[in-house]
Amino acid sequence: MNINHLSMRQWLLALMVASSVSLAGQPASDTIAEPKNELSVDLQLLARGETRYGGMTPETTEETEEEEGKVAKSHFIMGRTRLVINYKRDWLEARVTPQHSGIWGQAGKGSLNLYETWAKLTTRFGLFVQLGRVALSYDDERIIGSDDWAMASQSHDVLRFGYEGHGHKAHVILAYNQNADVLDGNTYYVGGAQPYKTMQDLWYHYDFQKFPLGVSVLFMNIGMQNMDNENVKHTTHFQQLLGGYLSFRPKRWNVEASYYHQMGKNETSMKIDAWMASGKVEFSPKPTYGFVGGFDYLSGDKYFAVPPKGGIGVIRHDVIRGFSTVYGSHHKFYGAMDFFYVSTYLNGFTPGLQNAYIGGFYCPIPGLKIDASYHNLSTATKLRDIDMFLGHEFEFQTSYAITRDVGVMLGAALMSGSKTMERLKRNSGDNTLRWGWIGLSVNPRIFTTKW
């Protein structure tokens, strides 16, 4: 019996010792709760100096008649400052981003606003809802993007909700804009933060699990109001956009294609029937260099009149056939000089665009990237009395990461424009247009904490 009692005591002692060792060997996360709150503050400083020679000069007036024939030249420096404040906790995420942007020395000292300010709730099942001012970005940003090249960039006041999980992404975006808090009436949204009165978007994307293919479908319904007279009761006219985007990325290849069609009515109740299509192929034999080629086609208005200087061209349009790239990141496409889909043509209509391009990149050392490309540009609409060819554009860009959060960029572009380009954009007689820029980007994380 004594031996049996002694054995029982030994078993109990051994069990207590084993339990103590087991608890001592466990990581701290099992005994002390992980921090659930995270706060970070990032500073973004961007400065870019530009120099331009030729292109898009204003029409001569009586006061500026002596300027006729002179080549337009300009030099300026732009700047942007952002303070990005992020907060995360389990299912909750919030962001506030005050921003200042403008030209150095600008009257009024630039623009100060809230670029982003939103809250987002996410469930463990993949459902989410987001409310506030959001920088929207979808697919290649051709139709909806932040347009980050522009100093003020682009954001939207929206309610966004949807589902993400198992390769599926489905987003619904709802927006309604008003420029005054009124008791009666549907005030026209003029001079506000957004160019539209109301917008409803549906975006669906699917990534195949065992195949490097992604497919997106986008539908937009945009309500616009006539801005001819603010004192008149305005009717909202709706235009729709429907299309899709495809990306195929097997190993060293990247193939992208998109198609979009626009319909409905514009703010003056004119019928819209326009479309665009694009395709791009990239091949990178090694991570240090690669090649790219592609083609963009954007439909244009028919019977496009191009009068000479001093002449008047009047064409009656019953249908708008010029495709609008709505709220995309325009600088990424159609040539870096931004002659197309950033500035308007002579009379507000557009002859469309055909953009065939080739290019490549090279990374000689870590952190340094050099890009070069060539664009052959033509209108999509056959013009009266002049050729459809617009010109050749050559582009060069290089960027170097000095440190993890400091980088410099340098770019230049040369366009040999045609007589068609001169008459469409009213540029000066010298059709060799030049543009160059240099920029500095500083993006440090200045504060982070968890509790």
Protein backbone atom coordinates (compact mmCIF):
# COMPACT_ATOMS: atom_id res chain seq x y z
CA MET A 1 0.00 0.00 0.00
CA ASN A 2 2.81 2.45 0.85
CA ILE A 3 4.40 1.81 -2.51
CA ASN A 4 1.10 2.48 -4.20
CA HIS A 5 0.58 5.76 -2.28
CA LEU A 6 4.13 6.83 -3.09
CA SER A 7 3.58 6.18 -6.78
CA MET A 8 0.39 8.29 -6.75
CA ARG A 9 2.26 11.20 -5.15
CA GLN A 10 5.00 10.89 -7.72
CA TRP A 11 2.44 11.00 -10.53
CA LEU A 12 0.80 14.12 -9.09
CA LEU A 13 4.18 15.82 -8.62
CA ALA A 14 5.25 14.98 -12.15
CA LEU A 15 1.97 16.34 -13.54
CA MET A 16 2.35 19.63 -11.66
CA VAL A 17 5.94 20.06 -12.86
CA ALA A 18 4.94 19.31 -16.46
CA SER A 19 2.10 21.82 -16.31
CA SER A 20 4.45 24.52 -14.95
CA VAL A 21 6.99 23.89 -17.71
CA SER A 22 4.26 23.93 -20.34
CA LEU A 23 2.89 27.28 -19.16
CA ALA A 24 6.36 28.78 -18.90
CA GLY A 25 7.18 27.71 -22.44
CA GLN A 26 4.08 29.23 -24.03
CA PRO A 27 4.48 32.49 -26.01
CA ALA A 28 3.44 35.76 -24.47
CA SER A 29 0.52 36.06 -26.90
CA ASP A 30 -1.28 33.24 -25.04
CA THR A 31 -1.01 34.92 -21.68
CA ILE A 32 -1.14 38.62 -22.69
CA ALA A 33 -3.75 39.93 -25.14
CA GLU A 34 -2.45 41.17 -28.49
CA PRO A 35 -2.89 44.92 -29.15
CA LYS A 36 -6.19 45.48 -30.95
CA ASN A 37 -5.76 49.14 -31.90
CA GLU A 38 -3.27 50.47 -34.44
CA LEU A 39 -2.66 54.11 -35.33
CA SER A 40 -0.22 55.34 -37.99
CA VAL A 41 0.59 58.74 -39.48
CA ASP A 42 2.30 59.12 -42.87
CA LEU A 43 3.60 62.33 -44.42
CA GLN A 44 3.57 62.75 -48.20
CA LEU A 45 5.49 65.59 -49.81
CA LEU A 46 5.60 65.95 -53.60
CA ALA A 47 7.14 68.74 -55.66
CA ARG A 48 7.34 68.80 -59.46
CA GLY A 49 8.80 71.44 -61.74
CA GLU A 50 7.69 71.58 -65.38
CA THR A 51 8.79 73.40 -68.49
CA ARG A 52 6.67 73.57 -71.65
CA TYR A 53 7.33 74.82 -75.13
CA GLY A 54 4.45 75.14 -77.59
CA GLY A 55 0.94 73.76 -77.70
CA MET A 56 -2.59 74.77 -76.71
CA THR A 57 -2.20 78.54 -76.87
CA PRO A 58 -5.39 80.59 -76.40
CA GLU A 59 -7.03 82.12 -79.44
CA THR A 60 -5.85 85.60 -80.32
CA THR A 61 -8.06 88.46 -79.14
CA GLU A 62 -7.91 92.18 -79.85
CA GLU A 63 -6.02 92.70 -76.61
CA THR A 64 -3.42 90.02 -77.44
CA GLU A 65 -3.20 90.46 -81.20
CA GLU A 66 0.50 91.25 -80.95
CA GLU A 67 1.09 87.73 -79.56
CA GLU A 68 -0.04 86.12 -82.84
CA GLY A 69 2.54 83.63 -84.13
CA LYS A 70 4.57 83.48 -80.94
CA VAL A 71 5.42 80.12 -79.40
CA ALA A 72 3.86 79.54 -75.98
CA LYS A 73 6.38 78.92 -73.19
CA SER A 74 5.82 78.31 -69.51
CA HIS A 75 7.80 77.24 -66.43
CA PHE A 76 6.30 76.49 -63.02
CA ILE A 77 6.61 74.34 -59.88
CA MET A 78 3.71 72.44 -58.34
CA GLY A 79 3.52 71.00 -54.86
CA ARG A 80 1.37 68.71 -52.74
CA THR A 81 1.38 67.90 -49.02
CA ARG A 82 -0.68 65.16 -47.39
CA LEU A 83 -0.96 63.92 -43.84
CA VAL A 84 -2.41 60.39 -43.93
CA ILE A 85 -3.88 59.31 -40.58
CA ASN A 86 -4.92 55.64 -40.42
CA TYR A 87 -6.69 53.78 -37.62
CA LYS A 88 -7.41 50.01 -37.46
CA ARG A 89 -9.18 47.81 -34.92
CA ASP A 90 -10.46 44.34 -35.74
CA TRP A 91 -13.44 45.02 -38.01
CA LEU A 92 -13.07 48.83 -38.11
CA GLU A 93 -10.76 50.97 -40.27
CA ALA A 94 -10.76 54.76 -40.67
CA ARG A 95 -8.68 57.32 -42.55
CA VAL A 96 -8.41 61.10 -42.56
CA THR A 97 -6.16 62.79 -45.16
CA PRO A 98 -5.92 66.60 -45.20
CA GLN A 99 -4.23 67.86 -48.37
CA HIS A 100 -2.74 71.09 -49.70
CA SER A 101 -1.92 71.45 -53.38
CA GLY A 102 -1.11 74.27 -55.76
CA ILE A 103 1.46 76.17 -57.80
CA TRP A 104 4.36 77.79 -56.00
CA GLY A 105 3.46 81.47 -55.63
CA GLN A 106 -0.18 80.90 -56.62
CA ALA A 107 -2.71 83.58 -55.74
CA GLY A 108 -4.81 82.38 -52.84
CA LYS A 109 -1.93 80.12 -51.81
CA GLY A 110 -3.34 76.98 -53.40
CA SER A 111 -6.10 74.65 -52.28
CA LEU A 112 -6.56 73.14 -48.82
CA ASN A 113 -9.12 70.35 -48.48
CA LEU A 114 -9.82 66.86 -47.15
CA TYR A 115 -8.66 64.44 -49.83
CA GLU A 116 -9.95 61.38 -47.98
CA THR A 117 -12.03 60.91 -44.85
CA TRP A 118 -13.86 57.62 -44.42
CA ALA A 119 -14.74 54.76 -42.11
CA LYS A 120 -14.96 51.10 -43.16
CA LEU A 121 -16.56 48.14 -41.39
CA THR A 122 -15.60 44.59 -42.43
CA THR A 123 -17.03 41.24 -41.29
CA ARG A 124 -15.21 37.93 -41.14
CA PHE A 125 -17.46 36.68 -43.96
CA GLY A 126 -15.99 39.19 -46.45
CA LEU A 127 -18.83 41.70 -46.34
CA PHE A 128 -17.91 45.39 -45.93
CA VAL A 129 -19.42 48.86 -45.92
CA GLN A 130 -17.50 52.13 -46.37
CA LEU A 131 -18.76 55.69 -46.02
CA GLY A 132 -17.10 59.04 -46.70
CA ARG A 133 -14.72 60.66 -49.18
CA VAL A 134 -12.78 57.88 -50.91
CA ALA A 135 -10.07 57.74 -53.59
CA LEU A 136 -11.60 55.11 -55.89
CA SER A 137 -9.37 52.90 -58.04
CA TYR A 138 -10.55 50.05 -60.25
CA ASP A 139 -8.71 47.76 -62.67
CA ASP A 140 -6.12 49.75 -64.67
CA GLU A 141 -7.75 53.07 -63.63
CA ARG A 142 -8.78 53.87 -67.22
CA ILE A 143 -12.40 54.65 -66.21
CA ILE A 144 -12.24 55.12 -62.41
CA GLY A 145 -8.94 56.11 -60.81
CA SER A 146 -7.31 58.49 -58.36
CA ASP A 147 -5.53 60.45 -61.14
CA ASP A 148 -2.55 60.82 -58.81
CA TRP A 149 -0.44 62.69 -61.38
CA ALA A 150 -2.69 65.72 -60.89
CA MET A 151 -1.66 67.43 -57.69
CA ALA A 152 -5.21 67.70 -56.34
CA SER A 153 -5.93 64.11 -57.43
CA GLN A 154 -9.46 62.73 -57.42
CA SER A 155 -11.76 61.41 -54.70
CA HIS A 156 -15.51 60.85 -54.36
CA ASP A 157 -18.12 61.27 -51.61
CA VAL A 158 -19.74 57.83 -51.64
CA LEU A 159 -21.35 54.95 -49.83
CA ARG A 160 -19.58 51.78 -50.92
CA PHE A 161 -20.46 48.25 -49.85
CA GLY A 162 -19.88 44.74 -51.13
CA TYR A 163 -18.16 41.40 -50.72
CA GLU A 164 -14.57 40.16 -51.17
CA GLY A 165 -13.52 36.55 -50.81
CA HIS A 166 -12.64 33.28 -52.59
CA GLY A 167 -11.48 35.15 -55.71
CA HIS A 168 -14.68 37.19 -55.96
CA LYS A 169 -15.00 40.96 -55.50
CA ALA A 170 -18.34 42.75 -55.84
CA HIS A 171 -18.65 46.48 -55.09
CA VAL A 172 -21.68 48.79 -55.16
CA ILE A 173 -21.01 52.55 -55.15
CA LEU A 174 -23.70 55.17 -54.46
CA ALA A 175 -23.21 58.96 -54.59
CA TYR A 176 -25.54 61.96 -54.33
CA ASN A 177 -24.15 65.50 -54.43
CA GLN A 178 -25.74 68.80 -53.39
CA ASN A 179 -24.07 72.19 -53.23
CA ALA A 180 -26.32 73.67 -50.53
CA ASP A 181 -28.41 72.60 -47.57
CA VAL A 182 -31.83 73.69 -48.86
CA LEU A 183 -35.37 73.21 -47.57
CA ASP A 184 -36.96 72.89 -50.99
CA GLY A 185 -35.70 71.90 -54.41
CA ASN A 186 -32.97 69.84 -55.97
CA THR A 187 -30.13 72.36 -56.08
CA TYR A 188 -27.80 72.00 -59.04
CA TYR A 189 -24.40 70.84 -57.89
CA VAL A 190 -22.20 73.55 -59.38
CA GLY A 191 -18.83 74.58 -58.01
CA GLY A 192 -18.71 71.59 -55.69
CA ALA A 193 -16.22 68.81 -55.12
CA GLN A 194 -17.66 66.48 -57.80
CA PRO A 195 -18.57 67.00 -61.48
CA TYR A 196 -21.80 64.98 -61.28
CA LYS A 197 -25.10 65.17 -59.43
CA THR A 198 -25.58 61.47 -58.73
CA MET A 199 -23.78 58.22 -59.52
CA GLN A 200 -24.43 54.50 -59.07
CA ASP A 201 -21.73 51.95 -59.95
CA LEU A 202 -21.56 48.17 -59.90
CA TRP A 203 -18.14 46.47 -60.24
CA TYR A 204 -17.49 42.74 -60.19
CA HIS A 205 -14.09 41.05 -60.46
CA TYR A 206 -13.05 37.41 -60.42
CA ASP A 207 -9.53 35.96 -60.16
CA PHE A 208 -9.26 32.37 -61.34
CA GLN A 209 -7.61 30.23 -58.66
CA LYS A 210 -5.46 27.96 -60.87
CA PHE A 211 -5.08 30.22 -63.89
CA PRO A 212 -3.41 33.68 -64.05
CA LEU A 213 -6.54 35.35 -65.38
CA GLY A 214 -8.63 38.16 -63.91
CA VAL A 215 -11.92 39.45 -65.36
CA SER A 216 -13.88 42.57 -64.39
CA VAL A 217 -17.28 43.95 -65.36
CA LEU A 218 -18.24 47.60 -64.70
CA PHE A 219 -21.59 49.38 -64.93
CA MET A 220 -22.00 53.11 -64.21
CA ASN A 221 -25.10 55.29 -64.14
CA ILE A 222 -24.17 58.98 -63.92
CA GLY A 223 -26.67 61.81 -63.44
CA MET A 224 -25.66 65.20 -64.85
CA GLN A 225 -27.46 68.57 -64.78
CA ASN A 226 -27.31 71.44 -67.26
CA MET A 227 -25.17 74.30 -65.93
CA ASP A 228 -26.31 77.04 -68.34
CA ASN A 229 -28.33 78.91 -65.74
CA GLU A 230 -28.20 78.33 -61.99
CA ASN A 231 -31.53 80.11 -61.42
CA VAL A 232 -33.51 77.68 -63.57
CA LYS A 233 -34.89 74.41 -62.23
CA HIS A 234 -32.71 71.70 -63.71
CA THR A 235 -33.52 68.17 -64.77
CA THR A 236 -31.04 65.39 -64.15
CA HIS A 237 -30.13 63.47 -67.31
CA PHE A 238 -28.55 60.03 -66.99
CA GLN A 239 -25.77 58.45 -69.00
CA GLN A 240 -24.61 54.86 -68.68
CA LEU A 241 -21.32 53.08 -69.19
CA LEU A 242 -21.00 49.30 -69.51
CA GLY A 243 -17.88 47.28 -70.22
CA GLY A 244 -15.18 44.97 -69.00
CA TYR A 245 -11.48 44.56 -68.34
CA LEU A 246 -9.31 41.45 -68.68
CA SER A 247 -5.79 40.78 -67.37
CA PHE A 248 -3.77 37.65 -68.19
CA ARG A 249 -0.36 37.29 -66.48
CA PRO A 250 1.43 34.01 -67.26
CA LYS A 251 5.03 34.09 -65.96
CA ARG A 252 6.91 36.80 -67.89
CA TRP A 253 3.87 38.05 -69.81
CA ASN A 254 1.17 40.60 -69.01
CA VAL A 255 -1.77 40.92 -71.40
CA GLU A 256 -4.54 43.47 -70.78
CA ALA A 257 -7.67 44.28 -72.78
CA SER A 258 -10.77 46.40 -72.19
CA TYR A 259 -13.96 47.50 -73.91
CA TYR A 260 -16.54 50.07 -72.76
CA HIS A 261 -19.71 51.46 -74.31
CA GLN A 262 -21.45 54.72 -73.36
CA MET A 263 -25.13 55.46 -73.85
CA GLY A 264 -27.97 57.55 -72.41
CA LYS A 265 -28.04 61.37 -72.49
CA ASN A 266 -25.64 64.13 -71.51
CA GLU A 267 -26.47 67.18 -69.38
CA THR A 268 -28.04 68.97 -72.40
CA SER A 269 -30.26 65.93 -73.16
CA MET A 270 -28.26 64.93 -76.27
CA LYS A 271 -28.18 61.21 -76.99
CA ILE A 272 -24.86 59.41 -76.39
CA ASP A 273 -23.56 56.49 -78.44
CA ALA A 274 -19.79 56.07 -77.96
CA TRP A 275 -17.30 53.29 -77.32
CA MET A 276 -13.63 52.52 -76.74
CA ALA A 277 -11.37 49.47 -76.89
CA SER A 278 -7.78 48.90 -75.83
CA GLY A 279 -5.18 46.16 -75.78
CA LYS A 280 -1.69 45.93 -74.30
CA VAL A 281 1.02 43.25 -74.23
CA GLU A 282 4.09 43.33 -71.96
CA PHE A 283 6.97 40.89 -71.98
CA SER A 284 9.75 40.87 -69.36
CA PRO A 285 12.47 38.26 -70.09
CA LYS A 286 14.08 39.29 -66.79
CA PRO A 287 13.00 41.56 -63.92
CA THR A 288 15.60 44.12 -65.05
CA TYR A 289 14.15 44.84 -68.49
CA GLY A 290 11.00 44.42 -70.56
CA PHE A 291 9.00 45.55 -73.58
CA VAL A 292 5.45 46.80 -74.13
CA GLY A 293 3.16 47.48 -77.07
CA GLY A 294 -0.49 48.38 -77.38
CA PHE A 295 -3.32 50.17 -79.12
CA ASP A 296 -6.18 52.40 -77.89
CA TYR A 297 -9.24 53.36 -79.92
CA LEU A 298 -11.71 55.94 -78.63
CA SER A 299 -14.65 56.83 -80.88
CA GLY A 300 -15.17 60.41 -82.03
CA ASP A 301 -17.98 62.72 -83.10
CA LYS A 302 -18.97 62.50 -86.76
CA TYR A 303 -18.80 65.46 -89.16
CA PHE A 304 -16.12 67.11 -87.04
CA ALA A 305 -15.46 70.63 -88.36
CA VAL A 306 -11.94 72.06 -88.16
CA PRO A 307 -12.07 75.69 -89.31
CA PRO A 308 -8.85 77.63 -89.94
CA LYS A 309 -7.91 80.45 -87.62
CA GLY A 310 -10.40 83.24 -87.98
CA GLY A 311 -13.00 80.92 -89.53
CA ILE A 312 -16.24 79.66 -88.07
CA GLY A 313 -17.28 76.03 -88.26
CA VAL A 314 -20.81 75.07 -87.30
CA ILE A 315 -21.90 71.44 -87.31
CA ARG A 316 -25.24 70.29 -85.93
CA HIS A 317 -24.75 67.15 -83.81
CA ASP A 318 -27.78 65.07 -82.88
CA VAL A 319 -25.78 62.25 -81.23
CA ILE A 320 -22.59 62.45 -79.16
CA ARG A 321 -20.20 59.79 -80.46
CA GLY A 322 -17.04 61.02 -78.75
CA PHE A 323 -16.08 58.68 -75.93
CA SER A 324 -15.54 60.24 -72.48
CA THR A 325 -13.02 58.65 -70.11
CA VAL A 326 -15.10 60.04 -67.20
CA TYR A 327 -13.16 59.70 -63.90
CA GLY A 328 -10.04 57.77 -64.88
CA SER A 329 -6.34 58.44 -64.32
CA HIS A 330 -5.92 60.14 -67.68
CA HIS A 331 -2.18 60.78 -67.51
CA LYS A 332 -1.45 57.02 -67.60
CA PHE A 333 -2.83 56.73 -71.14
CA TYR A 334 -2.80 58.46 -74.54
CA GLY A 335 0.61 60.10 -74.22
CA ALA A 336 2.32 61.83 -71.31
CA MET A 337 1.87 65.33 -72.77
CA ASP A 338 -1.85 65.16 -71.91
CA PHE A 339 -3.11 66.71 -75.14
CA PHE A 340 -6.04 64.28 -75.18
CA TYR A 341 -8.80 63.72 -72.60
CA VAL A 342 -7.35 66.27 -70.19
CA SER A 343 -7.85 69.44 -72.26
CA THR A 344 -10.83 69.97 -74.57
CA TYR A 345 -10.76 70.47 -78.33
CA LEU A 346 -11.66 73.66 -80.15
CA ASN A 347 -15.47 73.48 -79.95
CA GLY A 348 -16.04 71.02 -77.11
CA PHE A 349 -16.62 67.99 -79.30
CA THR A 350 -13.92 65.41 -79.96
CA PRO A 351 -12.74 63.57 -83.09
CA GLY A 352 -11.71 60.60 -80.94
CA LEU A 353 -8.26 59.07 -80.86
CA GLN A 354 -6.18 56.21 -82.18
CA ASN A 355 -3.04 55.61 -80.12
CA ALA A 356 -0.55 52.96 -81.23
CA TYR A 357 2.51 52.69 -78.98
CA ILE A 358 5.61 50.65 -78.21
CA GLY A 359 8.19 50.99 -75.45
CA GLY A 360 10.32 49.33 -72.84
CA PHE A 361 12.02 49.65 -69.47
CA TYR A 362 15.48 48.93 -68.09
CA CYS A 363 16.75 48.72 -64.49
CA PRO A 364 20.58 48.97 -64.61
CA ILE A 365 20.97 49.08 -60.81
CA PRO A 366 18.62 48.46 -57.86
CA GLY A 367 16.23 51.37 -57.37
CA LEU A 368 16.80 52.91 -60.82
CA LYS A 369 14.24 52.44 -63.61
CA ILE A 370 14.37 53.92 -67.11
CA ASP A 371 11.31 53.97 -69.40
CA ALA A 372 11.05 55.01 -73.05
CA SER A 373 8.10 54.87 -75.45
CA TYR A 374 6.81 56.04 -78.83
CA HIS A 375 3.20 56.97 -79.71
CA ASN A 376 1.67 57.25 -83.18
CA LEU A 377 -1.46 59.38 -82.82
CA SER A 378 -4.43 59.89 -85.15
CA THR A 379 -8.07 60.88 -84.86
CA ALA A 380 -10.80 58.23 -84.98
CA THR A 381 -13.11 60.41 -87.10
CA LYS A 382 -12.38 61.25 -90.71
CA LEU A 383 -11.92 65.03 -90.88
CA ARG A 384 -12.88 67.52 -93.57
CA ASP A 385 -10.09 68.91 -95.71
CA ILE A 386 -7.26 67.65 -93.47
CA ASP A 387 -5.60 64.36 -92.62
CA MET A 388 -6.47 62.21 -89.58
CA PHE A 389 -2.81 61.93 -88.51
CA LEU A 390 -1.98 64.01 -85.41
CA GLY A 391 1.72 63.39 -84.85
CA HIS A 392 4.55 61.37 -83.30
CA GLU A 393 5.25 61.54 -79.58
CA PHE A 394 8.49 60.33 -77.98
CA GLU A 395 8.70 59.93 -74.20
CA PHE A 396 11.46 59.30 -71.70
CA GLN A 397 11.16 58.85 -67.95
CA THR A 398 13.48 57.72 -65.16
CA SER A 399 12.98 57.26 -61.43
CA TYR A 400 15.44 56.51 -58.63
CA ALA A 401 14.69 55.47 -55.05
CA ILE A 402 17.32 57.22 -52.94
CA THR A 403 15.98 55.58 -49.77
CA ARG A 404 12.86 53.58 -48.91
CA ASP A 405 10.79 56.77 -48.61
CA VAL A 406 12.62 59.30 -50.80
CA GLY A 407 12.63 59.22 -54.60
CA VAL A 408 13.41 61.46 -57.55
CA MET A 409 11.80 61.42 -61.00
CA LEU A 410 12.79 62.95 -64.32
CA GLY A 411 10.87 62.99 -67.59
CA ALA A 412 10.82 64.53 -71.05
CA ALA A 413 8.55 64.32 -74.09
CA LEU A 414 8.82 65.52 -77.68
CA MET A 415 5.91 65.70 -80.10
CA SER A 416 6.23 66.29 -83.81
CA GLY A 417 2.72 67.48 -84.55
CA SER A 418 0.94 67.70 -87.87
CA LYS A 419 -1.13 70.50 -89.39
CA THR A 420 -4.16 68.65 -88.07
CA MET A 421 -2.80 68.87 -84.53
CA GLU A 422 -2.18 72.59 -84.99
CA ARG A 423 -5.73 73.33 -86.08
CA LEU A 424 -7.42 71.04 -83.58
CA LYS A 425 -5.59 72.34 -80.51
CA ARG A 426 -4.88 75.87 -81.75
CA ASN A 427 -1.21 75.49 -80.97
CA SER A 428 1.30 77.96 -82.39
CA GLY A 429 2.93 77.56 -85.78
CA ASP A 430 5.91 75.60 -84.44
CA ASN A 431 4.61 72.02 -84.34
CA THR A 432 7.63 70.62 -82.49
CA LEU A 433 6.24 70.59 -78.96
CA ARG A 434 8.49 69.94 -75.97
CA TRP A 435 7.79 69.21 -72.31
CA GLY A 436 10.04 68.27 -69.41
CA TRP A 437 9.72 67.77 -65.67
CA ILE A 438 11.63 66.84 -62.56
CA GLY A 439 10.11 65.78 -59.25
CA LEU A 440 10.93 64.85 -55.68
CA SER A 441 8.76 62.54 -53.54
CA VAL A 442 9.17 62.13 -49.76
CA ASN A 443 6.87 59.62 -48.01
CA PRO A 444 8.03 58.84 -44.45
CA ARG A 445 5.98 57.14 -41.76
CA ILE A 446 6.38 59.59 -38.90
CA PHE A 447 4.39 57.86 -36.19
CA THR A 448 2.91 54.44 -35.39
CA THR A 449 1.61 52.86 -32.20
CA LYS A 450 -0.38 49.84 -31.01
CA TRP A 451 -2.32 49.31 -27.81
